[in-house]
Amino acid sequence: MAARGTIAVVGADAIADRIETDAAHRRRGLGRAAMSALAEAAVSQGARTGLLIASQEGQLLYSCLGWHHEADVLIARGPAVPANW
């Protein structure tokens, strides 16, 4: 698979997730095409606002597509049940 992604519409919001382009296929417009198709589908379902969390690399694509940075996010990894629970 060269590129893929999912989008869910909740009310007027569309939440994009796992938007990926395989490393061997990057810089060919596939991420842009995937996002365009997902956005079109979301709009047809009533979405007016898009939400996503992006890697630093992904942020470059999304800013070119008109997305705006709203917040920094920390992704952390730890034990399934922290010791102090």
PDB file of N, CA and C in Angstrom:
ATOM      1  N   MET A   1       0.848  -1.170   0.000  1.00  0.00           N
ATOM      2  CA  MET A   1       0.000   0.000   0.000  1.00  0.00           C
ATOM      3  C   MET A   1       0.896   1.237   0.000  1.00  0.00           C
ATOM      4  N   ALA A   2       0.638   2.148  -0.880  1.00  0.00           N
ATOM      5  CA  ALA A   2       1.464   3.349  -1.010  1.00  0.00           C
ATOM      6  C   ALA A   2       1.031   4.452  -0.047  1.00  0.00           C
ATOM      7  N   ALA A   3      -0.275   4.647   0.139  1.00  0.00           N
ATOM      8  CA  ALA A   3      -0.779   5.687   1.037  1.00  0.00           C
ATOM      9  C   ALA A   3      -2.140   5.258   1.554  1.00  0.00           C
ATOM     10  N   ARG A   4      -2.437   5.710   2.780  1.00  0.00           N
ATOM     11  CA  ARG A   4      -3.730   5.364   3.368  1.00  0.00           C
ATOM     12  C   ARG A   4      -4.068   6.322   4.485  1.00  0.00           C
ATOM     13  N   GLY A   5      -5.305   6.238   4.951  1.00  0.00           N
ATOM     14  CA  GLY A   5      -5.741   7.036   6.090  1.00  0.00           C
ATOM     15  C   GLY A   5      -7.207   6.792   6.354  1.00  0.00           C
ATOM     16  N   THR A   6      -7.669   7.245   7.499  1.00  0.00           N
ATOM     17  CA  THR A   6      -9.081   7.148   7.846  1.00  0.00           C
ATOM     18  C   THR A   6      -9.556   8.507   8.344  1.00  0.00           C
ATOM     19  N   ILE A   7     -10.861   8.687   8.297  1.00  0.00           N
ATOM     20  CA  ILE A   7     -11.453   9.916   8.829  1.00  0.00           C
ATOM     21  C   ILE A   7     -12.815   9.554   9.407  1.00  0.00           C
ATOM     22  N   ALA A   8     -13.130  10.135  10.554  1.00  0.00           N
ATOM     23  CA  ALA A   8     -14.419   9.908  11.198  1.00  0.00           C
ATOM     24  C   ALA A   8     -15.095  11.261  11.377  1.00  0.00           C
ATOM     25  N   VAL A   9     -16.373  11.299  11.116  1.00  0.00           N
ATOM     26  CA  VAL A   9     -17.132  12.541  11.284  1.00  0.00           C
ATOM     27  C   VAL A   9     -17.984  12.421  12.543  1.00  0.00           C
ATOM     28  N   VAL A  10     -17.801  13.380  13.444  1.00  0.00           N
ATOM     29  CA  VAL A  10     -18.571  13.444  14.680  1.00  0.00           C
ATOM     30  C   VAL A  10     -19.162  14.844  14.739  1.00  0.00           C
ATOM     31  N   GLY A  11     -20.454  14.938  14.495  1.00  0.00           N
ATOM     32  CA  GLY A  11     -21.085  16.251  14.415  1.00  0.00           C
ATOM     33  C   GLY A  11     -20.507  17.007  13.233  1.00  0.00           C
ATOM     34  N   ALA A  12     -20.005  18.206  13.498  1.00  0.00           N
ATOM     35  CA  ALA A  12     -19.413  19.020  12.428  1.00  0.00           C
ATOM     36  C   ALA A  12     -17.898  18.851  12.342  1.00  0.00           C
ATOM     37  N   ASP A  13     -17.331  17.952  13.156  1.00  0.00           N
ATOM     38  CA  ASP A  13     -15.888  17.728  13.161  1.00  0.00           C
ATOM     39  C   ASP A  13     -15.512  16.457  12.412  1.00  0.00           C
ATOM     40  N   ALA A  14     -14.412  16.533  11.679  1.00  0.00           N
ATOM     41  CA  ALA A  14     -13.838  15.362  11.011  1.00  0.00           C
ATOM     42  C   ALA A  14     -12.481  15.098  11.658  1.00  0.00           C
ATOM     43  N   ILE A  15     -12.293  13.886  12.157  1.00  0.00           N
ATOM     44  CA  ILE A  15     -11.051  13.531  12.825  1.00  0.00           C
ATOM     45  C   ILE A  15     -10.276  12.592  11.916  1.00  0.00           C
ATOM     46  N   ALA A  16      -9.142  13.072  11.417  1.00  0.00           N
ATOM     47  CA  ALA A  16      -8.289  12.280  10.528  1.00  0.00           C
ATOM     48  C   ALA A  16      -7.325  11.463  11.384  1.00  0.00           C
ATOM     49  N   ASP A  17      -7.065  10.218  10.962  1.00  0.00           N
ATOM     50  CA  ASP A  17      -6.213   9.338  11.748  1.00  0.00           C
ATOM     51  C   ASP A  17      -5.400   8.427  10.850  1.00  0.00           C
ATOM     52  N   ARG A  18      -4.189   8.137  11.281  1.00  0.00           N
ATOM     53  CA  ARG A  18      -3.297   7.202  10.605  1.00  0.00           C
ATOM     54  C   ARG A  18      -3.131   7.502   9.116  1.00  0.00           C
ATOM     55  N   ILE A  19      -2.903   8.762   8.832  1.00  0.00           N
ATOM     56  CA  ILE A  19      -2.625   9.169   7.460  1.00  0.00           C
ATOM     57  C   ILE A  19      -1.158   8.831   7.208  1.00  0.00           C
ATOM     58  N   GLU A  20      -0.908   7.942   6.283  1.00  0.00           N
ATOM     59  CA  GLU A  20       0.456   7.474   6.056  1.00  0.00           C
ATOM     60  C   GLU A  20       0.757   7.339   4.576  1.00  0.00           C
ATOM     61  N   THR A  21       1.996   7.632   4.224  1.00  0.00           N
ATOM     62  CA  THR A  21       2.509   7.349   2.891  1.00  0.00           C
ATOM     63  C   THR A  21       3.770   6.513   3.087  1.00  0.00           C
ATOM     64  N   ASP A  22       3.827   5.372   2.439  1.00  0.00           N
ATOM     65  CA  ASP A  22       4.992   4.502   2.530  1.00  0.00           C
ATOM     66  C   ASP A  22       6.241   5.275   2.110  1.00  0.00           C
ATOM     67  N   ALA A  23       7.329   5.046   2.835  1.00  0.00           N
ATOM     68  CA  ALA A  23       8.573   5.782   2.589  1.00  0.00           C
ATOM     69  C   ALA A  23       9.027   5.720   1.128  1.00  0.00           C
ATOM     70  N   ALA A  24       8.830   4.599   0.474  1.00  0.00           N
ATOM     71  CA  ALA A  24       9.256   4.450  -0.927  1.00  0.00           C
ATOM     72  C   ALA A  24       8.390   5.245  -1.902  1.00  0.00           C
ATOM     73  N   HIS A  25       7.260   5.786  -1.411  1.00  0.00           N
ATOM     74  CA  HIS A  25       6.329   6.486  -2.302  1.00  0.00           C
ATOM     75  C   HIS A  25       6.108   7.949  -1.922  1.00  0.00           C
ATOM     76  N   ARG A  26       6.903   8.461  -1.019  1.00  0.00           N
ATOM     77  CA  ARG A  26       6.727   9.843  -0.567  1.00  0.00           C
ATOM     78  C   ARG A  26       7.192  10.841  -1.624  1.00  0.00           C
ATOM     79  N   ARG A  27       6.704  12.068  -1.459  1.00  0.00           N
ATOM     80  CA  ARG A  27       7.045  13.196  -2.337  1.00  0.00           C
ATOM     81  C   ARG A  27       6.488  13.026  -3.748  1.00  0.00           C
ATOM     82  N   ARG A  28       5.359  12.337  -3.862  1.00  0.00           N
ATOM     83  CA  ARG A  28       4.705  12.138  -5.165  1.00  0.00           C
ATOM     84  C   ARG A  28       3.262  12.636  -5.174  1.00  0.00           C
ATOM     85  N   GLY A  29       2.847  13.291  -4.105  1.00  0.00           N
ATOM     86  CA  GLY A  29       1.485  13.822  -4.044  1.00  0.00           C
ATOM     87  C   GLY A  29       0.454  12.848  -3.504  1.00  0.00           C
ATOM     88  N   LEU A  30       0.891  11.677  -3.033  1.00  0.00           N
ATOM     89  CA  LEU A  30      -0.067  10.685  -2.550  1.00  0.00           C
ATOM     90  C   LEU A  30      -0.712  11.107  -1.229  1.00  0.00           C
ATOM     91  N   GLY A  31       0.066  11.711  -0.337  1.00  0.00           N
ATOM     92  CA  GLY A  31      -0.501  12.201   0.920  1.00  0.00           C
ATOM     93  C   GLY A  31      -1.531  13.282   0.671  1.00  0.00           C
ATOM     94  N   ARG A  32      -1.222  14.160  -0.244  1.00  0.00           N
ATOM     95  CA  ARG A  32      -2.164  15.223  -0.628  1.00  0.00           C
ATOM     96  C   ARG A  32      -3.440  14.625  -1.223  1.00  0.00           C
ATOM     97  N   ALA A  33      -3.289  13.634  -2.083  1.00  0.00           N
ATOM     98  CA  ALA A  33      -4.451  12.992  -2.705  1.00  0.00           C
ATOM     99  C   ALA A  33      -5.298  12.267  -1.656  1.00  0.00           C
ATOM    100  N   ALA A  34      -4.632  11.580  -0.730  1.00  0.00           N
ATOM    101  CA  ALA A  34      -5.368  10.874   0.320  1.00  0.00           C
ATOM    102  C   ALA A  34      -6.140  11.866   1.186  1.00  0.00           C
ATOM    103  N   MET A  35      -5.496  12.948   1.603  1.00  0.00           N
ATOM    104  CA  MET A  35      -6.172  13.947   2.424  1.00  0.00           C
ATOM    105  C   MET A  35      -7.317  14.613   1.680  1.00  0.00           C
ATOM    106  N   SER A  36      -7.138  14.860   0.396  1.00  0.00           N
ATOM    107  CA  SER A  36      -8.216  15.469  -0.393  1.00  0.00           C
ATOM    108  C   SER A  36      -9.429  14.550  -0.463  1.00  0.00           C
ATOM    109  N   ALA A  37      -9.192  13.266  -0.703  1.00  0.00           N
ATOM    110  CA  ALA A  37     -10.295  12.299  -0.780  1.00  0.00           C
ATOM    111  C   ALA A  37     -10.994  12.176   0.575  1.00  0.00           C
ATOM    112  N   LEU A  38     -10.219  12.113   1.650  1.00  0.00           N
ATOM    113  CA  LEU A  38     -10.812  12.004   2.988  1.00  0.00           C
ATOM    114  C   LEU A  38     -11.601  13.263   3.339  1.00  0.00           C
ATOM    115  N   ALA A  39     -11.060  14.425   3.026  1.00  0.00           N
ATOM    116  CA  ALA A  39     -11.762  15.679   3.318  1.00  0.00           C
ATOM    117  C   ALA A  39     -13.057  15.778   2.526  1.00  0.00           C
ATOM    118  N   GLU A  40     -13.013  15.384   1.275  1.00  0.00           N
ATOM    119  CA  GLU A  40     -14.228  15.417   0.444  1.00  0.00           C
ATOM    120  C   GLU A  40     -15.304  14.506   1.033  1.00  0.00           C
ATOM    121  N   ALA A  41     -14.903  13.323   1.471  1.00  0.00           N
ATOM    122  CA  ALA A  41     -15.861  12.394   2.079  1.00  0.00           C
ATOM    123  C   ALA A  41     -16.430  12.980   3.369  1.00  0.00           C
ATOM    124  N   ALA A  42     -15.583  13.609   4.170  1.00  0.00           N
ATOM    125  CA  ALA A  42     -16.033  14.191   5.434  1.00  0.00           C
ATOM    126  C   ALA A  42     -17.013  15.337   5.203  1.00  0.00           C
ATOM    127  N   VAL A  43     -16.697  16.198   4.255  1.00  0.00           N
ATOM    128  CA  VAL A  43     -17.581  17.327   3.947  1.00  0.00           C
ATOM    129  C   VAL A  43     -18.941  16.820   3.461  1.00  0.00           C
ATOM    130  N   SER A  44     -18.928  15.758   2.681  1.00  0.00           N
ATOM    131  CA  SER A  44     -20.200  15.198   2.189  1.00  0.00           C
ATOM    132  C   SER A  44     -21.045  14.630   3.329  1.00  0.00           C
ATOM    133  N   GLN A  45     -20.405  14.364   4.477  1.00  0.00           N
ATOM    134  CA  GLN A  45     -21.123  13.868   5.656  1.00  0.00           C
ATOM    135  C   GLN A  45     -21.422  14.980   6.657  1.00  0.00           C
ATOM    136  N   GLY A  46     -21.170  16.231   6.259  1.00  0.00           N
ATOM    137  CA  GLY A  46     -21.530  17.374   7.094  1.00  0.00           C
ATOM    138  C   GLY A  46     -20.410  17.991   7.907  1.00  0.00           C
ATOM    139  N   ALA A  47     -19.190  17.524   7.754  1.00  0.00           N
ATOM    140  CA  ALA A  47     -18.077  18.089   8.524  1.00  0.00           C
ATOM    141  C   ALA A  47     -17.745  19.496   8.044  1.00  0.00           C
ATOM    142  N   ARG A  48     -17.405  20.342   9.015  1.00  0.00           N
ATOM    143  CA  ARG A  48     -16.978  21.698   8.676  1.00  0.00           C
ATOM    144  C   ARG A  48     -15.607  22.032   9.262  1.00  0.00           C
ATOM    145  N   THR A  49     -15.161  21.227  10.210  1.00  0.00           N
ATOM    146  CA  THR A  49     -13.871  21.441  10.863  1.00  0.00           C
ATOM    147  C   THR A  49     -13.088  20.136  10.857  1.00  0.00           C
ATOM    148  N   GLY A  50     -11.793  20.223  10.572  1.00  0.00           N
ATOM    149  CA  GLY A  50     -10.939  19.040  10.599  1.00  0.00           C
ATOM    150  C   GLY A  50     -10.012  19.066  11.794  1.00  0.00           C
ATOM    151  N   LEU A  51      -9.770  17.890  12.374  1.00  0.00           N
ATOM    152  CA  LEU A  51      -8.878  17.753  13.515  1.00  0.00           C
ATOM    153  C   LEU A  51      -7.900  16.622  13.236  1.00  0.00           C
ATOM    154  N   LEU A  52      -6.647  16.787  13.639  1.00  0.00           N
ATOM    155  CA  LEU A  52      -5.670  15.705  13.512  1.00  0.00           C
ATOM    156  C   LEU A  52      -4.467  15.985  14.387  1.00  0.00           C
ATOM    157  N   ILE A  53      -3.706  14.938  14.649  1.00  0.00           N
ATOM    158  CA  ILE A  53      -2.410  15.045  15.313  1.00  0.00           C
ATOM    159  C   ILE A  53      -1.390  14.621  14.272  1.00  0.00           C
ATOM    160  N   ALA A  54      -0.347  15.413  14.097  1.00  0.00           N
ATOM    161  CA  ALA A  54       0.618  15.153  13.022  1.00  0.00           C
ATOM    162  C   ALA A  54       2.044  15.037  13.543  1.00  0.00           C
ATOM    163  N   SER A  55       2.815  14.193  12.865  1.00  0.00           N
ATOM    164  CA  SER A  55       4.255  14.136  13.113  1.00  0.00           C
ATOM    165  C   SER A  55       4.872  15.430  12.589  1.00  0.00           C
ATOM    166  N   GLN A  56       6.136  15.650  12.900  1.00  0.00           N
ATOM    167  CA  GLN A  56       6.797  16.843  12.371  1.00  0.00           C
ATOM    168  C   GLN A  56       6.804  16.811  10.851  1.00  0.00           C
ATOM    169  N   GLU A  57       7.044  15.643  10.285  1.00  0.00           N
ATOM    170  CA  GLU A  57       7.046  15.510   8.824  1.00  0.00           C
ATOM    171  C   GLU A  57       5.651  15.778   8.257  1.00  0.00           C
ATOM    172  N   GLY A  58       4.631  15.244   8.909  1.00  0.00           N
ATOM    173  CA  GLY A  58       3.260  15.451   8.460  1.00  0.00           C
ATOM    174  C   GLY A  58       2.832  16.903   8.547  1.00  0.00           C
ATOM    175  N   GLN A  59       3.365  17.617   9.539  1.00  0.00           N
ATOM    176  CA  GLN A  59       2.997  19.024   9.694  1.00  0.00           C
ATOM    177  C   GLN A  59       3.339  19.834   8.455  1.00  0.00           C
ATOM    178  N   LEU A  60       4.393  19.471   7.776  1.00  0.00           N
ATOM    179  CA  LEU A  60       4.764  20.179   6.543  1.00  0.00           C
ATOM    180  C   LEU A  60       3.676  20.022   5.488  1.00  0.00           C
ATOM    181  N   LEU A  61       3.182  18.798   5.319  1.00  0.00           N
ATOM    182  CA  LEU A  61       2.107  18.561   4.356  1.00  0.00           C
ATOM    183  C   LEU A  61       0.850  19.318   4.752  1.00  0.00           C
ATOM    184  N   TYR A  62       0.438  19.178   6.016  1.00  0.00           N
ATOM    185  CA  TYR A  62      -0.819  19.786   6.435  1.00  0.00           C
ATOM    186  C   TYR A  62      -0.782  21.305   6.354  1.00  0.00           C
ATOM    187  N   SER A  63       0.357  21.904   6.663  1.00  0.00           N
ATOM    188  CA  SER A  63       0.429  23.366   6.547  1.00  0.00           C
ATOM    189  C   SER A  63       0.289  23.794   5.089  1.00  0.00           C
ATOM    190  N   CYS A  64       0.831  23.009   4.162  1.00  0.00           N
ATOM    191  CA  CYS A  64       0.662  23.310   2.726  1.00  0.00           C
ATOM    192  C   CYS A  64      -0.789  23.160   2.278  1.00  0.00           C
ATOM    193  N   LEU A  65      -1.549  22.326   3.014  1.00  0.00           N
ATOM    194  CA  LEU A  65      -2.954  22.104   2.675  1.00  0.00           C
ATOM    195  C   LEU A  65      -3.891  23.073   3.392  1.00  0.00           C
ATOM    196  N   GLY A  66      -3.312  24.018   4.165  1.00  0.00           N
ATOM    197  CA  GLY A  66      -4.134  25.029   4.820  1.00  0.00           C
ATOM    198  C   GLY A  66      -4.503  24.731   6.264  1.00  0.00           C
ATOM    199  N   TRP A  67      -3.961  23.671   6.837  1.00  0.00           N
ATOM    200  CA  TRP A  67      -4.220  23.363   8.242  1.00  0.00           C
ATOM    201  C   TRP A  67      -3.388  24.307   9.101  1.00  0.00           C
ATOM    202  N   HIS A  68      -3.871  24.608  10.311  1.00  0.00           N
ATOM    203  CA  HIS A  68      -3.197  25.537  11.210  1.00  0.00           C
ATOM    204  C   HIS A  68      -2.855  24.854  12.526  1.00  0.00           C
ATOM    205  N   HIS A  69      -1.661  25.101  13.032  1.00  0.00           N
ATOM    206  CA  HIS A  69      -1.202  24.559  14.301  1.00  0.00           C
ATOM    207  C   HIS A  69      -2.029  25.144  15.435  1.00  0.00           C
ATOM    208  N   GLU A  70      -2.590  24.287  16.284  1.00  0.00           N
ATOM    209  CA  GLU A  70      -3.404  24.749  17.407  1.00  0.00           C
ATOM    210  C   GLU A  70      -2.779  24.432  18.754  1.00  0.00           C
ATOM    211  N   ALA A  71      -2.063  23.299  18.873  1.00  0.00           N
ATOM    212  CA  ALA A  71      -1.520  22.908  20.178  1.00  0.00           C
ATOM    213  C   ALA A  71      -0.398  21.897  20.002  1.00  0.00           C
ATOM    214  N   ASP A  72       0.509  21.883  20.968  1.00  0.00           N
ATOM    215  CA  ASP A  72       1.535  20.850  21.014  1.00  0.00           C
ATOM    216  C   ASP A  72       0.964  19.650  21.764  1.00  0.00           C
ATOM    217  N   VAL A  73       1.358  18.464  21.372  1.00  0.00           N
ATOM    218  CA  VAL A  73       0.845  17.243  21.979  1.00  0.00           C
ATOM    219  C   VAL A  73       2.024  16.370  22.377  1.00  0.00           C
ATOM    220  N   LEU A  74       1.944  15.770  23.557  1.00  0.00           N
ATOM    221  CA  LEU A  74       2.960  14.830  24.003  1.00  0.00           C
ATOM    222  C   LEU A  74       2.428  13.418  23.817  1.00  0.00           C
ATOM    223  N   ILE A  75       3.145  12.605  23.096  1.00  0.00           N
ATOM    224  CA  ILE A  75       2.808  11.201  22.961  1.00  0.00           C
ATOM    225  C   ILE A  75       3.800  10.455  23.846  1.00  0.00           C
ATOM    226  N   ALA A  76       3.305   9.760  24.867  1.00  0.00           N
ATOM    227  CA  ALA A  76       4.172   9.076  25.812  1.00  0.00           C
ATOM    228  C   ALA A  76       3.897   7.573  25.791  1.00  0.00           C
ATOM    229  N   ARG A  77       4.929   6.805  26.112  1.00  0.00           N
ATOM    230  CA  ARG A  77       4.801   5.354  26.189  1.00  0.00           C
ATOM    231  C   ARG A  77       5.189   4.932  27.589  1.00  0.00           C
ATOM    232  N   GLY A  78       4.428   4.025  28.155  1.00  0.00           N
ATOM    233  CA  GLY A  78       4.723   3.557  29.501  1.00  0.00           C
ATOM    234  C   GLY A  78       4.095   2.191  29.719  1.00  0.00           C
ATOM    235  N   PRO A  79       4.185   1.693  30.932  1.00  0.00           N
ATOM    236  CA  PRO A  79       3.593   0.384  31.229  1.00  0.00           C
ATOM    237  C   PRO A  79       2.069   0.463  31.129  1.00  0.00           C
ATOM    238  N   ALA A  80       1.450  -0.674  30.840  1.00  0.00           N
ATOM    239  CA  ALA A  80      -0.010  -0.709  30.709  1.00  0.00           C
ATOM    240  C   ALA A  80      -0.685  -0.251  31.990  1.00  0.00           C
ATOM    241  N   VAL A  81      -0.120  -0.605  33.128  1.00  0.00           N
ATOM    242  CA  VAL A  81      -0.646  -0.163  34.424  1.00  0.00           C
ATOM    243  C   VAL A  81       0.522   0.420  35.199  1.00  0.00           C
ATOM    244  N   PRO A  82       0.603   1.757  35.297  1.00  0.00           N
ATOM    245  CA  PRO A  82       1.707   2.380  36.028  1.00  0.00           C
ATOM    246  C   PRO A  82       1.761   1.875  37.468  1.00  0.00           C
ATOM    247  N   ALA A  83       2.949   1.800  38.040  1.00  0.00           N
ATOM    248  CA  ALA A  83       3.172   1.254  39.378  1.00  0.00           C
ATOM    249  C   ALA A  83       2.405   1.998  40.462  1.00  0.00           C
ATOM    250  N   ASN A  84       2.155   3.290  40.278  1.00  0.00           N
ATOM    251  CA  ASN A  84       1.492   4.070  41.328  1.00  0.00           C
ATOM    252  C   ASN A  84      -0.031   4.101  41.217  1.00  0.00           C
ATOM    253  N   TRP A  85      -0.611   3.239  40.449  1.00  0.00           N
ATOM    254  CA  TRP A  85      -2.084   3.205  40.344  1.00  0.00           C
ATOM    255  C   TRP A  85      -2.661   2.439  41.459  1.00  0.00           C
TER     256      TRP A  85
END
